C-alpha cells in the first residue's frame, strides 16, 4: 500500500466546525494521510502502523508545507509579505539603538 494525502482534509487532518472549533477528519482519523490500496481505496492508517511509517509521513508533510510556501523558519510579522503596508508590517525594533 502507498501513503497519500487525505482527499477529504487535504492533509490538514482536521476541519473547523461552524463555531470555529477544530474537529479531526473522519476519513484519515486526524493524520492527514491515508493508505491507498492497489484497487485505489483509501483506508485510515492504523495507530500501530505509525512507528513504521513515521519517516514517510514526515517527508510527505514537509513536502506539503513547502507547497504552501513554508521555508523552514517562522517569520516575524513585519517580515511577512502579506503584512507589508499595514501596522503589523512595521518593525517595532527599527528605531532601537543599543
C-alpha atoms as a PDB file:
ATOM      1  CA  UNK A   1       0.000   0.000   0.000  1.00  0.00           C
ATOM      2  CA  UNK A   2       1.072   3.545  -0.617  1.00  0.00           C
ATOM      3  CA  UNK A   3       0.524   6.575   1.574  1.00  0.00           C
ATOM      4  CA  UNK A   4      -1.227   9.566   0.043  1.00  0.00           C
ATOM      5  CA  UNK A   5      -2.604  12.890   1.264  1.00  0.00           C
ATOM      6  CA  UNK A   6      -6.153  12.598   2.565  1.00  0.00           C
ATOM      7  CA  UNK A   7      -8.569  13.812  -0.117  1.00  0.00           C
ATOM      8  CA  UNK A   8     -11.115  14.859   2.472  1.00  0.00           C
ATOM      9  CA  UNK A   9      -8.992  17.302   4.516  1.00  0.00           C
ATOM     10  CA  UNK A  10      -6.138  17.849   2.000  1.00  0.00           C
ATOM     11  CA  UNK A  11      -3.515  16.790   4.537  1.00  0.00           C
ATOM     12  CA  UNK A  12      -4.574  19.088   7.378  1.00  0.00           C
ATOM     13  CA  UNK A  13      -6.125  16.279   9.434  1.00  0.00           C
ATOM     14  CA  UNK A  14      -8.923  18.474  10.791  1.00  0.00           C
ATOM     15  CA  UNK A  15     -11.720  20.855   9.911  1.00  0.00           C
ATOM     16  CA  UNK A  16     -13.231  23.873  11.619  1.00  0.00           C
ATOM     17  CA  UNK A  17     -16.861  23.442  12.565  1.00  0.00           C
ATOM     18  CA  UNK A  18     -19.467  26.185  12.320  1.00  0.00           C
ATOM     19  CA  UNK A  19     -18.353  27.812  15.581  1.00  0.00           C
ATOM     20  CA  UNK A  20     -14.637  27.672  14.785  1.00  0.00           C
ATOM     21  CA  UNK A  21     -13.630  24.626  16.807  1.00  0.00           C
ATOM     22  CA  UNK A  22     -11.254  22.140  15.204  1.00  0.00           C
ATOM     23  CA  UNK A  23     -12.507  18.596  14.707  1.00  0.00           C
ATOM     24  CA  UNK A  24     -10.490  15.652  13.408  1.00  0.00           C
ATOM     25  CA  UNK A  25     -11.118  14.436   9.892  1.00  0.00           C
ATOM     26  CA  UNK A  26     -13.147  11.215   9.992  1.00  0.00           C
ATOM     27  CA  UNK A  27     -11.575   9.913   6.798  1.00  0.00           C
ATOM     28  CA  UNK A  28      -7.932   9.905   7.937  1.00  0.00           C
ATOM     29  CA  UNK A  29      -8.571   9.914  11.729  1.00  0.00           C
ATOM     30  CA  UNK A  30      -6.701  13.206  12.046  1.00  0.00           C
ATOM     31  CA  UNK A  31      -3.443  12.056  10.438  1.00  0.00           C
ATOM     32  CA  UNK A  32      -3.822  13.984   7.183  1.00  0.00           C
ATOM     33  CA  UNK A  33      -2.676  10.936   5.221  1.00  0.00           C
ATOM     34  CA  UNK A  34      -4.217   7.571   4.343  1.00  0.00           C
ATOM     35  CA  UNK A  35      -3.189   4.263   2.871  1.00  0.00           C
ATOM     36  CA  UNK A  36      -4.287   3.643  -0.697  1.00  0.00           C
ATOM     37  CA  UNK A  37      -4.520   0.010  -1.731  1.00  0.00           C
ATOM     38  CA  UNK A  38      -3.937  -1.433  -5.209  1.00  0.00           C
ATOM     39  CA  UNK A  39      -7.644  -1.071  -6.045  1.00  0.00           C
ATOM     40  CA  UNK A  40      -7.487   2.680  -5.285  1.00  0.00           C
ATOM     41  CA  UNK A  41      -9.380   2.501  -1.984  1.00  0.00           C
ATOM     42  CA  UNK A  42      -8.337   4.884   0.773  1.00  0.00           C
ATOM     43  CA  UNK A  43      -8.018   3.496   4.298  1.00  0.00           C
ATOM     44  CA  UNK A  44      -7.038   5.239   7.535  1.00  0.00           C
ATOM     45  CA  UNK A  45      -3.553   4.414   8.772  1.00  0.00           C
ATOM     46  CA  UNK A  46      -3.905   2.318  11.961  1.00  0.00           C
ATOM     47  CA  UNK A  47      -2.178   3.795  15.016  1.00  0.00           C
ATOM     48  CA  UNK A  48       0.006   0.705  15.396  1.00  0.00           C
ATOM     49  CA  UNK A  49       1.490   1.414  11.935  1.00  0.00           C
ATOM     50  CA  UNK A  50       2.703   4.928  12.808  1.00  0.00           C
ATOM     51  CA  UNK A  51       6.145   3.871  14.105  1.00  0.00           C
ATOM     52  CA  UNK A  52       6.737   2.023  10.832  1.00  0.00           C
ATOM     53  CA  UNK A  53       5.621   4.862   8.534  1.00  0.00           C
ATOM     54  CA  UNK A  54       6.712   7.887  10.596  1.00  0.00           C
ATOM     55  CA  UNK A  55       9.628   8.851   8.341  1.00  0.00           C
ATOM     56  CA  UNK A  56       7.485   8.675   5.213  1.00  0.00           C
ATOM     57  CA  UNK A  57       4.736  10.732   6.880  1.00  0.00           C
ATOM     58  CA  UNK A  58       7.300  13.359   7.966  1.00  0.00           C
ATOM     59  CA  UNK A  59       8.643  13.605   4.404  1.00  0.00           C
ATOM     60  CA  UNK A  60       5.137  13.928   2.935  1.00  0.00           C
ATOM     61  CA  UNK A  61       4.256  16.622   5.466  1.00  0.00           C
ATOM     62  CA  UNK A  62       7.454  18.569   4.730  1.00  0.00           C
ATOM     63  CA  UNK A  63       6.579  18.440   1.023  1.00  0.00           C
ATOM     64  CA  UNK A  64       3.017  19.665   1.723  1.00  0.00           C
ATOM     65  CA  UNK A  65       4.325  22.553   3.824  1.00  0.00           C
ATOM     66  CA  UNK A  66       6.776  23.571   1.071  1.00  0.00           C
ATOM     67  CA  UNK A  67       3.878  23.586  -1.413  1.00  0.00           C
ATOM     68  CA  UNK A  68       2.092  26.027   0.914  1.00  0.00           C
ATOM     69  CA  UNK A  69       5.153  28.307   0.996  1.00  0.00           C
ATOM     70  CA  UNK A  70       6.762  27.277   4.291  1.00  0.00           C
ATOM     71  CA  UNK A  71      10.524  27.613   4.066  1.00  0.00           C
ATOM     72  CA  UNK A  72      11.605  26.166   7.388  1.00  0.00           C
ATOM     73  CA  UNK A  73      11.564  29.118   9.735  1.00  0.00           C
ATOM     74  CA  UNK A  74       8.953  31.354  11.273  1.00  0.00           C
ATOM     75  CA  UNK A  75       8.937  34.952  10.120  1.00  0.00           C
ATOM     76  CA  UNK A  76       8.248  37.914  12.345  1.00  0.00           C
ATOM     77  CA  UNK A  77       5.025  39.758  11.398  1.00  0.00           C
ATOM     78  CA  UNK A  78       6.973  42.643   9.836  1.00  0.00           C
ATOM     79  CA  UNK A  79       8.857  40.153   7.638  1.00  0.00           C
ATOM     80  CA  UNK A  80       5.687  38.616   6.208  1.00  0.00           C
ATOM     81  CA  UNK A  81       4.747  39.665   2.694  1.00  0.00           C
ATOM     82  CA  UNK A  82       1.040  39.777   3.474  1.00  0.00           C
ATOM     83  CA  UNK A  83       1.553  42.327   6.286  1.00  0.00           C
ATOM     84  CA  UNK A  84       3.554  44.852   4.286  1.00  0.00           C
ATOM     85  CA  UNK A  85       1.953  48.299   4.269  1.00  0.00           C
ATOM     86  CA  UNK A  86      -0.003  47.528   7.470  1.00  0.00           C
ATOM     87  CA  UNK A  87       0.629  48.467  11.084  1.00  0.00           C
ATOM     88  CA  UNK A  88       1.884  44.936  11.812  1.00  0.00           C
ATOM     89  CA  UNK A  89       4.223  45.237   8.849  1.00  0.00           C
ATOM     90  CA  UNK A  90       6.392  47.782  10.671  1.00  0.00           C
ATOM     91  CA  UNK A  91       9.439  46.544  12.596  1.00  0.00           C
ATOM     92  CA  UNK A  92       8.891  47.727  16.200  1.00  0.00           C
ATOM     93  CA  UNK A  93      12.639  47.484  16.858  1.00  0.00           C
ATOM     94  CA  UNK A  94      13.777  49.533  13.855  1.00  0.00           C
ATOM     95  CA  UNK A  95      14.233  52.678  15.992  1.00  0.00           C
ATOM     96  CA  UNK A  96      16.072  50.971  18.902  1.00  0.00           C
ATOM     97  CA  UNK A  97      19.735  51.912  19.392  1.00  0.00           C
ATOM     98  CA  UNK A  98      21.667  49.849  21.900  1.00  0.00           C
END
